[in-house]
Amino acid sequence: MIICGTLIKQLLKQHSYRLYSSQVISSSSLKSNPSNIIYSSQKVADLLQKQSNCLQIFDNYLTDNENNNFLKEIDGYMKRKRYEYSHWDNAIHGYRESERSEWTPENQQVLSHIRQLAFDDPTQTLVHVHVLDIAKDGYIKPHIDAIRYCGTTIAGLSLLSSCVMRFVHKDDKTLSIDVLLKPKSLYIIKNIIRFDFTHEILKDQESYFNNIHIPRNRRLSIICRNMPVDLSAG
């Protein structure tokens, strides 16, 4: 065990640019998982490190019971919808979606906790929560969410299938970050990651993390956002 631990420390030291641990959130015992984040270079790791907690990944944020509660509520109405393969801004392929402001008390409590954790001012979050259901053959193309729809921060739960979310700098395409999102995990993106990087969910044939194929299946995301910075923005 001592030898194994020493080897792990050596590998982390040799490849420190690939793994970056977010700071522990003072109001919570949760820790962001650095092993789920791969940076293309030290340059992009340094860029994000200058802005504390702009990218955070929490594995097993949901308990099994909480996960099942969300699936039960969402599938109750989502399965009546058909998957669509064209999107109004050409950003999503193979999806169905909903905006919900009312949840069961159990699910509402979880969402309230996420708002407290992720947002500087939880009172300024949008009432409607975005539910996005991506088919097994679906994917999300690179895009930056419009500032007229949400502000500085996005917090999303990932359910059902693991997937790889990729961020690429809008001006320097050599600066990229791959993130492994596992079922029951929570991701938080804010500030520089929100405004200066595109994000996408890779299709199955491109879904690789650290050279390992991450098989895609149906994936649900439950996304909380805050108020737009400029309500008059077009």
Protein backbone atom coordinates (compact mmCIF):
# COMPACT_ATOMS: atom_id res chain seq x y z
CA MET A 1 0.00 0.00 0.00
CA ILE A 2 2.90 2.37 0.81
CA ILE A 3 4.53 1.64 -2.56
CA CYS A 4 1.22 2.15 -4.36
CA GLY A 5 0.68 5.47 -2.60
CA THR A 6 4.19 6.63 -3.52
CA LEU A 7 3.64 5.77 -7.19
CA ILE A 8 0.37 7.68 -7.24
CA LYS A 9 2.03 10.75 -5.74
CA GLN A 10 4.82 10.56 -8.35
CA LEU A 11 2.31 10.31 -11.19
CA LEU A 12 0.34 13.27 -9.88
CA LYS A 13 3.50 15.31 -9.63
CA GLN A 14 4.61 14.38 -13.17
CA HIS A 15 1.18 15.16 -14.67
CA SER A 16 -0.01 17.92 -12.39
CA TYR A 17 -1.25 20.01 -15.30
CA ARG A 18 -3.85 17.32 -16.06
CA LEU A 19 -5.48 17.32 -12.65
CA TYR A 20 -6.62 20.36 -10.73
CA SER A 21 -8.49 20.24 -7.44
CA SER A 22 -11.07 22.90 -6.69
CA GLN A 23 -11.01 24.42 -3.22
CA VAL A 24 -13.19 22.87 -0.55
CA ILE A 25 -16.40 24.85 -0.21
CA SER A 26 -16.39 26.41 3.25
CA SER A 27 -20.10 25.82 3.83
CA SER A 28 -19.98 22.14 2.95
CA SER A 29 -17.93 19.00 3.51
CA LEU A 30 -18.19 18.21 -0.19
CA LYS A 31 -15.02 18.17 -2.25
CA SER A 32 -14.72 18.58 -5.98
CA ASN A 33 -13.17 15.51 -7.61
CA PRO A 34 -9.95 16.47 -9.49
CA SER A 35 -9.58 13.03 -11.08
CA ASN A 36 -12.63 13.77 -13.24
CA ILE A 37 -10.96 16.77 -14.90
CA ILE A 38 -8.25 16.64 -17.58
CA TYR A 39 -6.61 19.82 -18.86
CA SER A 40 -4.93 20.07 -22.26
CA SER A 41 -1.98 22.00 -20.81
CA GLN A 42 -0.61 23.74 -17.76
CA LYS A 43 -1.63 27.02 -19.35
CA VAL A 44 -5.33 26.27 -19.17
CA ALA A 45 -5.00 24.83 -15.65
CA ASP A 46 -3.30 28.05 -14.52
CA LEU A 47 -5.98 30.13 -16.23
CA LEU A 48 -8.76 28.44 -14.29
CA GLN A 49 -6.83 28.37 -11.05
CA LYS A 50 -6.80 32.17 -11.03
CA GLN A 51 -10.59 32.09 -10.60
CA SER A 52 -11.45 29.97 -7.61
CA ASN A 53 -14.18 27.33 -8.04
CA CYS A 54 -15.12 28.26 -11.61
CA LEU A 55 -15.29 24.52 -12.42
CA GLN A 56 -16.35 21.99 -9.79
CA ILE A 57 -17.40 18.34 -10.09
CA PHE A 58 -18.99 16.44 -7.20
CA ASP A 59 -19.37 12.67 -7.58
CA ASN A 60 -22.30 10.93 -5.87
CA TYR A 61 -23.93 14.22 -4.99
CA LEU A 62 -27.28 12.44 -5.00
CA THR A 63 -28.09 9.45 -2.86
CA ASP A 64 -29.69 6.45 -4.57
CA ASN A 65 -33.03 7.45 -3.09
CA GLU A 66 -32.74 11.06 -4.30
CA ASN A 67 -31.70 9.85 -7.74
CA ASN A 68 -34.73 7.55 -7.94
CA ASN A 69 -37.05 10.34 -6.78
CA PHE A 70 -35.93 12.58 -9.63
CA LEU A 71 -36.19 9.79 -12.20
CA LYS A 72 -39.69 8.90 -11.06
CA GLU A 73 -40.92 12.47 -11.31
CA ILE A 74 -39.23 13.27 -14.62
CA ASP A 75 -40.13 10.04 -16.40
CA GLY A 76 -43.74 10.57 -15.42
CA TYR A 77 -44.06 13.28 -18.04
CA MET A 78 -40.89 13.14 -20.16
CA LYS A 79 -41.60 9.72 -21.68
CA ARG A 80 -44.70 11.16 -23.34
CA LYS A 81 -42.45 13.43 -25.42
CA ARG A 82 -40.60 12.48 -28.60
CA TYR A 83 -36.90 13.00 -29.11
CA GLU A 84 -36.16 15.84 -31.49
CA TYR A 85 -33.22 15.99 -33.88
CA SER A 86 -33.22 19.67 -34.72
CA HIS A 87 -32.86 22.57 -32.31
CA TRP A 88 -33.78 26.23 -32.63
CA ASP A 89 -30.10 27.29 -32.36
CA ASN A 90 -28.64 24.01 -33.74
CA ALA A 91 -26.98 23.21 -30.41
CA ILE A 92 -28.57 19.86 -29.49
CA HIS A 93 -29.16 16.64 -31.44
CA GLY A 94 -31.53 13.94 -30.16
CA TYR A 95 -33.21 15.55 -27.18
CA ARG A 96 -36.42 16.31 -25.34
CA GLU A 97 -36.71 18.98 -22.68
CA SER A 98 -38.88 20.76 -20.19
CA GLU A 99 -38.84 23.80 -17.92
CA ARG A 100 -40.27 23.09 -14.46
CA SER A 101 -40.99 25.39 -11.55
CA GLU A 102 -42.87 22.89 -9.37
CA TRP A 103 -41.36 19.71 -7.91
CA THR A 104 -42.20 17.20 -5.26
CA PRO A 105 -41.17 18.40 -1.79
CA GLU A 106 -38.27 15.91 -1.69
CA ASN A 107 -36.87 17.02 -5.05
CA GLN A 108 -37.46 20.68 -4.28
CA GLN A 109 -35.37 20.30 -1.14
CA VAL A 110 -32.44 18.91 -3.14
CA LEU A 111 -32.69 21.77 -5.64
CA SER A 112 -32.75 24.28 -2.78
CA HIS A 113 -29.54 22.79 -1.42
CA ILE A 114 -27.92 23.07 -4.85
CA ARG A 115 -28.88 26.73 -5.07
CA GLN A 116 -27.32 27.36 -1.67
CA LEU A 117 -24.14 25.54 -2.68
CA ALA A 118 -23.62 26.82 -6.20
CA PHE A 119 -24.82 30.41 -6.31
CA ASP A 120 -23.41 33.50 -4.62
CA ASP A 121 -26.97 34.78 -4.17
CA PRO A 122 -29.50 31.92 -4.18
CA THR A 123 -32.38 34.43 -4.19
CA GLN A 124 -31.38 35.45 -7.72
CA THR A 125 -31.76 32.01 -9.30
CA LEU A 126 -34.33 31.37 -12.00
CA VAL A 127 -37.55 29.77 -10.78
CA HIS A 128 -37.76 27.43 -13.76
CA VAL A 129 -35.35 24.49 -13.77
CA HIS A 130 -34.28 23.14 -17.15
CA VAL A 131 -34.65 19.38 -17.63
CA LEU A 132 -32.76 18.04 -20.66
CA ASP A 133 -33.12 14.44 -21.81
CA ILE A 134 -30.47 13.35 -24.34
CA ALA A 135 -31.03 10.12 -26.28
CA LYS A 136 -28.37 7.41 -26.52
CA ASP A 137 -27.45 8.70 -29.98
CA GLY A 138 -27.86 12.33 -28.97
CA TYR A 139 -25.24 14.92 -28.13
CA ILE A 140 -24.76 18.61 -27.42
CA LYS A 141 -22.69 20.67 -29.84
CA PRO A 142 -20.13 23.26 -28.69
CA HIS A 143 -21.89 26.43 -27.56
CA ILE A 144 -21.94 29.19 -24.96
CA ASP A 145 -25.33 29.72 -23.32
CA ALA A 146 -26.83 33.09 -24.27
CA ILE A 147 -26.47 35.80 -21.62
CA ARG A 148 -30.11 36.73 -22.05
CA TYR A 149 -31.19 33.38 -20.59
CA CYS A 150 -28.85 32.97 -17.61
CA GLY A 151 -26.19 34.75 -15.61
CA THR A 152 -22.78 33.88 -14.23
CA THR A 153 -23.43 30.37 -12.94
CA ILE A 154 -24.86 27.04 -14.11
CA ALA A 155 -25.32 24.04 -11.81
CA GLY A 156 -26.38 20.71 -13.27
CA LEU A 157 -27.20 17.24 -11.98
CA SER A 158 -26.28 14.31 -14.24
CA LEU A 159 -28.49 11.22 -14.19
CA LEU A 160 -28.53 7.78 -15.87
CA SER A 161 -25.49 7.70 -18.21
CA SER A 162 -21.91 8.76 -17.75
CA CYS A 163 -20.70 11.23 -20.36
CA VAL A 164 -17.80 13.49 -21.25
CA MET A 165 -18.31 17.24 -21.20
CA ARG A 166 -15.68 19.20 -23.14
CA PHE A 167 -14.82 22.87 -22.72
CA VAL A 168 -12.85 24.75 -25.40
CA HIS A 169 -11.72 28.37 -25.20
CA LYS A 170 -13.62 30.50 -27.69
CA ASP A 171 -10.48 32.28 -28.92
CA ASP A 172 -7.68 29.73 -28.36
CA LYS A 173 -8.79 26.24 -29.41
CA THR A 174 -5.65 24.68 -27.88
CA LEU A 175 -7.06 25.42 -24.43
CA SER A 176 -9.50 22.63 -23.58
CA ILE A 177 -10.78 20.69 -20.61
CA ASP A 178 -12.43 17.27 -20.57
CA VAL A 179 -14.72 16.43 -17.65
CA LEU A 180 -16.13 13.02 -16.77
CA LEU A 181 -19.69 13.36 -15.50
CA LYS A 182 -20.91 10.25 -13.72
CA PRO A 183 -24.50 9.39 -12.78
CA LYS A 184 -25.68 11.20 -9.62
CA SER A 185 -22.93 13.83 -9.97
CA LEU A 186 -23.23 17.61 -9.79
CA TYR A 187 -21.24 20.06 -11.89
CA ILE A 188 -20.92 23.80 -11.35
CA ILE A 189 -19.53 26.18 -13.97
CA LYS A 190 -19.22 29.90 -13.46
CA ASN A 191 -17.52 33.08 -14.62
CA ILE A 192 -14.61 32.40 -17.04
CA ILE A 193 -15.78 28.84 -17.83
CA ARG A 194 -19.30 30.12 -18.36
CA PHE A 195 -18.44 33.05 -20.63
CA ASP A 196 -15.09 32.25 -22.33
CA PHE A 197 -15.38 28.51 -23.03
CA THR A 198 -17.81 26.57 -25.17
CA HIS A 199 -19.19 23.39 -23.64
CA GLU A 200 -20.49 20.23 -25.28
CA ILE A 201 -21.51 16.63 -24.51
CA LEU A 202 -19.59 14.26 -26.77
CA LYS A 203 -21.41 11.73 -28.94
CA ASP A 204 -20.80 8.04 -28.23
CA GLN A 205 -18.13 7.50 -30.90
CA GLU A 206 -16.17 10.48 -29.54
CA SER A 207 -16.83 9.80 -25.86
CA TYR A 208 -13.32 9.16 -24.54
CA PHE A 209 -11.83 10.23 -21.22
CA ASN A 210 -8.11 9.67 -20.61
CA ASN A 211 -8.11 7.40 -23.71
CA ILE A 212 -10.86 5.19 -22.26
CA HIS A 213 -14.20 4.92 -24.05
CA ILE A 214 -17.11 6.14 -21.92
CA PRO A 215 -20.19 4.45 -23.43
CA ARG A 216 -23.09 6.80 -23.91
CA ASN A 217 -26.67 5.95 -23.11
CA ARG A 218 -29.71 8.04 -22.33
CA ARG A 219 -28.70 10.96 -20.10
CA LEU A 220 -30.77 13.35 -18.03
CA SER A 221 -29.55 16.69 -16.74
CA ILE A 222 -31.34 18.95 -14.29
CA ILE A 223 -29.98 22.47 -14.61
CA CYS A 224 -30.30 25.46 -12.28
CA ARG A 225 -29.31 28.94 -13.46
CA ASN A 226 -29.23 32.43 -12.03
CA MET A 227 -30.68 35.67 -13.37
CA PRO A 228 -29.05 37.21 -16.47
CA VAL A 229 -26.42 39.83 -15.74
CA ASP A 230 -28.05 42.23 -18.19
CA LEU A 231 -31.78 41.75 -18.58
CA SER A 232 -31.80 44.04 -21.63
CA ALA A 233 -29.15 42.02 -23.47
CA GLY A 234 -30.16 40.68 -26.85
